[in-house]
Amino acid sequence: MAADTTLAGLDALDLGDARPGTTGRERAARIAKAVWPKVAAVALVWVVWELIHLSGWKKLVLPGPGVTLSNLWDQARTGLLWHAIGDTLERAVIGYALALVIGTVVGLLVARVPPLRAAVGSLITGLQTMPSAAWIPFAIILFGLNTSAIMFIIVMAAAPAIANGLIAGVDYTPPLLLKAGRMLGLRGLNLNRYLVLPAALPTFVAGMKQGWAFTWHALLTAELLVLIAGEPSIGVLFQADQDQTDMPSTISVMIVILILGVLVDAAFGVANRAIRRRWGLT
């Protein structure tokens, strides 16, 4: 009965998503409105890129977009590029999941336990400022040239950003909301689960997004320097192209990295819009 009363009280505090249903035409209009700026940006980059190539400036270093996209198409047809993308994304997802769990637990503990915050709060920010490349020698000595070393580098790069995002979100939880939760009987784990974490969600999602950026940077840096025999990856392809001074292939891999980053940013954008609707901000 107490749990039902608590949940009912929380539902009463929830603003919900009161947006009415939309027709297919309205939905298509929203999609077009969201897509056309990106298409326009791609077209602008293409035009500028082609003009620079036609001008002859750095012509030997900067190939034209037609040659580069043809090279990208050839790489896509061989299957090696897809294998490398699959291996890199698998490492990214696993490493990010580990960083998310560790960062969430550490962030919540530091935010809710004052002595722990006084002891390690500034240390988390210090770890976040360290470049991921600084962890590579330590990771190799500790784990060797294997995937575990890459996972360690990702966690050390991404977990502090996620923890700091959660800490900031907890810090800005309105005191009145905490009093309301305690009046409804929320204590300990239930208070954090049903009130603190949802209230900190917008800032927490921002920290998660930043954590993904650190994950991606750390992963590609690690793949360039922690070479694992028999395991192709985007970083390995990128290094091989640079060693061969094959600029079309190098730029093709850079385009793949950019596309993957845009897709992940779009996924976080969907989550952010859902949260904004949930909070009645749209």
Protein backbone atom coordinates (compact mmCIF):
# COMPACT_ATOMS: atom_id res chain seq x y z
CA MET A 1 0.00 0.00 0.00
CA ALA A 2 2.84 2.41 0.88
CA ALA A 3 4.59 1.68 -2.43
CA ASP A 4 1.36 2.26 -4.37
CA THR A 5 0.84 5.56 -2.57
CA THR A 6 4.41 6.64 -3.30
CA LEU A 7 4.15 5.83 -7.00
CA ALA A 8 0.79 7.56 -7.23
CA GLY A 9 2.30 10.65 -5.67
CA LEU A 10 5.18 10.60 -8.13
CA ASP A 11 2.75 10.26 -11.01
CA ALA A 12 1.00 13.35 -9.71
CA LEU A 13 4.29 15.25 -9.91
CA ASP A 14 4.90 14.04 -13.49
CA LEU A 15 3.94 16.44 -16.23
CA GLY A 16 3.58 13.70 -18.83
CA ASP A 17 3.55 14.05 -22.59
CA ALA A 18 0.33 15.74 -23.57
CA ARG A 19 1.20 16.32 -27.22
CA PRO A 20 -1.73 15.23 -29.41
CA GLY A 21 -1.37 12.71 -32.21
CA THR A 22 -0.11 13.91 -35.57
CA THR A 23 -0.99 12.98 -39.11
CA GLY A 24 1.35 11.38 -41.61
CA ARG A 25 1.71 14.64 -43.53
CA GLU A 26 2.70 16.55 -40.40
CA ARG A 27 5.19 13.86 -39.50
CA ALA A 28 6.71 14.01 -42.98
CA ALA A 29 6.93 17.80 -42.72
CA ARG A 30 8.80 17.51 -39.41
CA ILE A 31 11.22 14.99 -40.91
CA ALA A 32 11.84 17.22 -43.93
CA LYS A 33 12.38 20.21 -41.65
CA ALA A 34 14.98 18.27 -39.68
CA VAL A 35 16.73 16.75 -42.72
CA TRP A 36 17.07 19.65 -45.15
CA PRO A 37 19.61 21.67 -43.08
CA LYS A 38 21.87 18.60 -42.96
CA VAL A 39 21.50 18.03 -46.70
CA ALA A 40 22.27 21.70 -47.33
CA ALA A 41 25.37 21.48 -45.11
CA VAL A 42 26.62 18.40 -46.99
CA ALA A 43 26.03 20.14 -50.33
CA LEU A 44 27.91 23.23 -49.15
CA VAL A 45 30.87 21.14 -48.01
CA TRP A 46 30.86 19.29 -51.35
CA VAL A 47 30.90 22.57 -53.32
CA VAL A 48 33.67 24.12 -51.22
CA TRP A 49 35.69 20.90 -51.39
CA GLU A 50 35.33 20.75 -55.20
CA LEU A 51 36.27 24.41 -55.59
CA ILE A 52 39.42 23.95 -53.49
CA HIS A 53 40.36 20.90 -55.57
CA LEU A 54 39.75 22.71 -58.88
CA SER A 55 41.80 25.69 -57.70
CA GLY A 56 44.87 23.46 -57.58
CA TRP A 57 45.73 24.33 -53.96
CA LYS A 58 47.20 21.25 -52.27
CA LYS A 59 45.96 19.20 -55.23
CA LEU A 60 48.39 16.36 -54.57
CA VAL A 61 47.32 16.17 -50.92
CA LEU A 62 43.59 16.88 -51.20
CA PRO A 63 41.87 14.67 -53.81
CA GLY A 64 38.52 15.67 -55.23
CA PRO A 65 35.23 14.47 -53.72
CA GLY A 66 34.48 12.29 -56.74
CA VAL A 67 37.74 10.32 -56.39
CA THR A 68 37.31 10.03 -52.62
CA LEU A 69 33.72 8.75 -52.76
CA SER A 70 34.69 6.30 -55.49
CA ASN A 71 37.43 5.00 -53.20
CA LEU A 72 34.93 4.76 -50.32
CA TRP A 73 32.56 2.77 -52.53
CA ASP A 74 35.37 0.39 -53.50
CA GLN A 75 36.30 -0.15 -49.85
CA ALA A 76 32.66 -0.78 -48.95
CA ARG A 77 32.39 -3.49 -51.64
CA THR A 78 35.42 -5.43 -50.38
CA GLY A 79 33.86 -6.18 -46.97
CA LEU A 80 37.01 -5.28 -45.03
CA LEU A 81 35.61 -1.84 -44.20
CA TRP A 82 32.39 -3.35 -42.82
CA HIS A 83 34.41 -5.81 -40.72
CA ALA A 84 36.51 -2.96 -39.34
CA ILE A 85 33.39 -0.88 -38.58
CA GLY A 86 31.77 -3.85 -36.83
CA ASP A 87 34.82 -4.52 -34.63
CA THR A 88 35.22 -0.84 -33.75
CA LEU A 89 31.54 -0.36 -32.91
CA GLU A 90 31.55 -3.52 -30.79
CA ARG A 91 34.45 -2.20 -28.76
CA ALA A 92 32.80 1.21 -28.52
CA VAL A 93 29.49 -0.20 -27.25
CA ILE A 94 31.12 -2.53 -24.70
CA GLY A 95 33.55 0.13 -23.48
CA TYR A 96 30.83 2.75 -23.25
CA ALA A 97 28.53 0.38 -21.35
CA LEU A 98 31.29 -0.29 -18.81
CA ALA A 99 32.01 3.43 -18.49
CA LEU A 100 28.29 4.15 -18.11
CA VAL A 101 27.88 1.66 -15.26
CA ILE A 102 31.04 2.77 -13.47
CA GLY A 103 30.41 6.47 -14.04
CA THR A 104 26.80 6.22 -12.83
CA VAL A 105 27.68 4.36 -9.64
CA VAL A 106 30.63 6.62 -8.83
CA GLY A 107 28.72 9.78 -9.70
CA LEU A 108 25.73 8.86 -7.54
CA LEU A 109 27.91 7.89 -4.58
CA VAL A 110 30.01 11.05 -4.80
CA ALA A 111 26.93 13.25 -5.20
CA ARG A 112 25.03 11.72 -2.26
CA VAL A 113 27.88 11.01 0.21
CA PRO A 114 29.52 14.28 1.37
CA PRO A 115 32.74 12.73 2.81
CA LEU A 116 33.30 10.82 -0.44
CA ARG A 117 32.73 13.99 -2.44
CA ALA A 118 35.24 15.88 -0.35
CA ALA A 119 37.77 13.09 -0.88
CA VAL A 120 37.50 12.33 -4.62
CA GLY A 121 35.20 14.96 -6.15
CA SER A 122 38.00 17.06 -7.62
CA LEU A 123 39.90 13.90 -8.62
CA ILE A 124 37.10 12.97 -11.04
CA THR A 125 37.43 16.33 -12.79
CA GLY A 126 41.20 15.87 -12.89
CA LEU A 127 40.81 12.48 -14.54
CA GLN A 128 38.41 13.96 -17.09
CA THR A 129 41.03 16.50 -18.20
CA MET A 130 43.67 13.84 -18.87
CA PRO A 131 44.14 13.00 -22.56
CA SER A 132 43.30 9.40 -23.41
CA ALA A 133 46.72 8.90 -25.00
CA ALA A 134 48.30 9.35 -21.55
CA TRP A 135 46.69 6.07 -20.42
CA ILE A 136 48.04 4.00 -23.31
CA PRO A 137 51.50 3.10 -21.88
CA PHE A 138 49.94 2.20 -18.53
CA ALA A 139 47.24 0.11 -20.21
CA ILE A 140 49.77 -1.80 -22.33
CA ILE A 141 51.96 -2.54 -19.30
CA LEU A 142 48.93 -3.59 -17.25
CA PHE A 143 47.02 -5.64 -19.83
CA GLY A 144 49.30 -6.10 -22.83
CA LEU A 145 48.41 -5.61 -26.50
CA ASN A 146 44.83 -6.83 -26.35
CA THR A 147 41.24 -5.64 -26.23
CA SER A 148 41.30 -5.30 -22.44
CA ALA A 149 43.85 -2.49 -22.76
CA ILE A 150 41.52 -0.65 -25.14
CA MET A 151 38.56 -1.14 -22.79
CA PHE A 152 40.60 0.26 -19.91
CA ILE A 153 41.51 3.36 -21.92
CA ILE A 154 37.86 3.93 -22.87
CA VAL A 155 36.63 3.60 -19.29
CA MET A 156 39.27 5.96 -17.93
CA ALA A 157 38.39 8.52 -20.60
CA ALA A 158 34.57 8.31 -20.52
CA ALA A 159 33.57 7.37 -16.95
CA PRO A 160 34.67 10.70 -15.36
CA ALA A 161 32.57 12.70 -17.85
CA ILE A 162 29.51 10.56 -17.14
CA ALA A 163 30.06 10.81 -13.39
CA ASN A 164 30.43 14.59 -13.54
CA GLY A 165 27.24 14.89 -15.57
CA LEU A 166 25.31 12.93 -12.95
CA ILE A 167 26.87 14.89 -10.08
CA ALA A 168 25.85 18.18 -11.70
CA GLY A 169 22.32 16.89 -12.24
CA VAL A 170 21.98 15.79 -8.62
CA ASP A 171 23.34 19.14 -7.41
CA TYR A 172 20.58 21.00 -9.26
CA THR A 173 17.73 18.82 -8.02
CA PRO A 174 15.25 21.29 -6.44
CA PRO A 175 15.20 20.96 -2.62
CA LEU A 176 11.40 21.26 -2.68
CA LEU A 177 11.23 18.16 -4.87
CA LEU A 178 13.41 16.25 -2.40
CA LYS A 179 11.13 17.31 0.49
CA ALA A 180 8.08 16.17 -1.50
CA GLY A 181 9.69 12.81 -2.12
CA ARG A 182 10.51 12.31 1.55
CA MET A 183 6.98 13.29 2.51
CA LEU A 184 5.77 10.53 0.18
CA GLY A 185 7.92 8.04 2.04
CA LEU A 186 10.92 7.81 -0.28
CA ARG A 187 14.15 6.96 1.47
CA GLY A 188 17.56 5.62 0.48
CA LEU A 189 17.62 3.61 -2.75
CA ASN A 190 13.99 4.41 -3.62
CA LEU A 191 14.65 8.14 -3.27
CA ASN A 192 17.54 7.90 -5.73
CA ARG A 193 15.71 5.58 -8.11
CA TYR A 194 12.34 7.30 -8.32
CA LEU A 195 13.25 10.95 -7.72
CA VAL A 196 16.93 11.92 -7.83
CA LEU A 197 17.88 10.09 -11.03
CA PRO A 198 14.79 11.22 -13.00
CA ALA A 199 15.30 14.80 -11.81
CA ALA A 200 18.97 14.70 -12.84
CA LEU A 201 18.21 13.04 -16.18
CA PRO A 202 18.63 16.08 -18.51
CA THR A 203 22.09 16.90 -17.19
CA PHE A 204 22.91 13.21 -16.92
CA VAL A 205 22.08 12.70 -20.61
CA ALA A 206 24.38 15.61 -21.46
CA GLY A 207 27.14 13.86 -19.49
CA MET A 208 26.37 10.60 -21.28
CA LYS A 209 26.67 12.34 -24.63
CA GLN A 210 29.99 13.84 -23.60
CA GLY A 211 31.03 10.41 -22.33
CA TRP A 212 30.32 8.93 -25.76
CA ALA A 213 32.51 11.62 -27.37
CA PHE A 214 35.35 10.68 -25.01
CA THR A 215 34.69 7.01 -25.77
CA TRP A 216 35.00 7.58 -29.50
CA HIS A 217 38.15 9.70 -29.18
CA ALA A 218 39.80 7.23 -26.81
CA LEU A 219 38.85 4.21 -28.91
CA LEU A 220 40.27 5.55 -32.17
CA THR A 221 43.40 6.77 -30.41
CA ALA A 222 43.86 3.37 -28.80
CA GLU A 223 43.27 1.52 -32.07
CA LEU A 224 45.98 3.61 -33.71
CA LEU A 225 48.54 2.76 -31.04
CA VAL A 226 47.43 -0.56 -29.49
CA LEU A 227 47.71 -2.82 -32.51
CA ILE A 228 46.10 -6.24 -32.04
CA ALA A 229 47.16 -8.86 -34.57
CA GLY A 230 44.38 -10.31 -36.71
CA GLU A 231 41.73 -7.80 -35.57
CA PRO A 232 40.97 -5.13 -38.19
CA SER A 233 39.43 -1.87 -37.03
CA ILE A 234 38.82 1.64 -38.25
CA GLY A 235 41.97 2.80 -36.46
CA VAL A 236 44.07 0.09 -38.15
CA LEU A 237 42.69 1.03 -41.58
CA PHE A 238 43.35 4.70 -40.89
CA GLN A 239 46.95 4.00 -39.88
CA ALA A 240 47.55 1.75 -42.90
CA ASP A 241 46.24 4.42 -45.28
CA GLN A 242 48.49 7.05 -43.70
CA ASP A 243 51.53 4.75 -43.93
CA GLN A 244 50.84 4.29 -47.63
CA THR A 245 50.13 8.02 -48.11
CA ASP A 246 46.86 7.02 -49.77
CA MET A 247 44.91 10.23 -49.25
CA PRO A 248 41.64 9.10 -50.90
CA SER A 249 41.53 6.07 -48.59
CA THR A 250 42.49 8.18 -45.58
CA ILE A 251 39.76 10.73 -46.24
CA SER A 252 37.28 7.89 -46.90
CA VAL A 253 37.93 6.47 -43.44
CA MET A 254 37.57 9.96 -41.97
CA ILE A 255 34.18 10.27 -43.68
CA VAL A 256 33.11 6.93 -42.16
CA ILE A 257 34.16 8.16 -38.69
CA LEU A 258 32.21 11.39 -39.24
CA ILE A 259 29.08 9.54 -40.40
CA LEU A 260 29.14 7.25 -37.37
CA GLY A 261 29.51 10.28 -35.11
CA VAL A 262 26.55 12.02 -36.73
CA LEU A 263 24.37 8.91 -36.37
CA VAL A 264 25.18 8.59 -32.66
CA ASP A 265 24.51 12.32 -32.18
CA ALA A 266 21.12 11.82 -33.86
CA ALA A 267 20.34 8.99 -31.41
CA PHE A 268 21.17 11.24 -28.46
CA GLY A 269 19.06 13.95 -30.06
CA VAL A 270 16.04 11.64 -30.09
CA ALA A 271 16.59 10.87 -26.40
CA ASN A 272 16.98 14.56 -25.59
CA ARG A 273 13.75 15.48 -27.38
CA ALA A 274 11.90 12.70 -25.59
CA ILE A 275 13.09 14.03 -22.24
CA ARG A 276 12.12 17.59 -23.17
CA ARG A 277 8.62 16.42 -24.10
CA ARG A 278 8.42 14.46 -20.86
CA TRP A 279 9.29 17.58 -18.91
CA GLY A 280 6.82 19.71 -20.87
CA LEU A 281 9.54 21.86 -22.46
CA THR A 282 8.30 21.41 -26.05
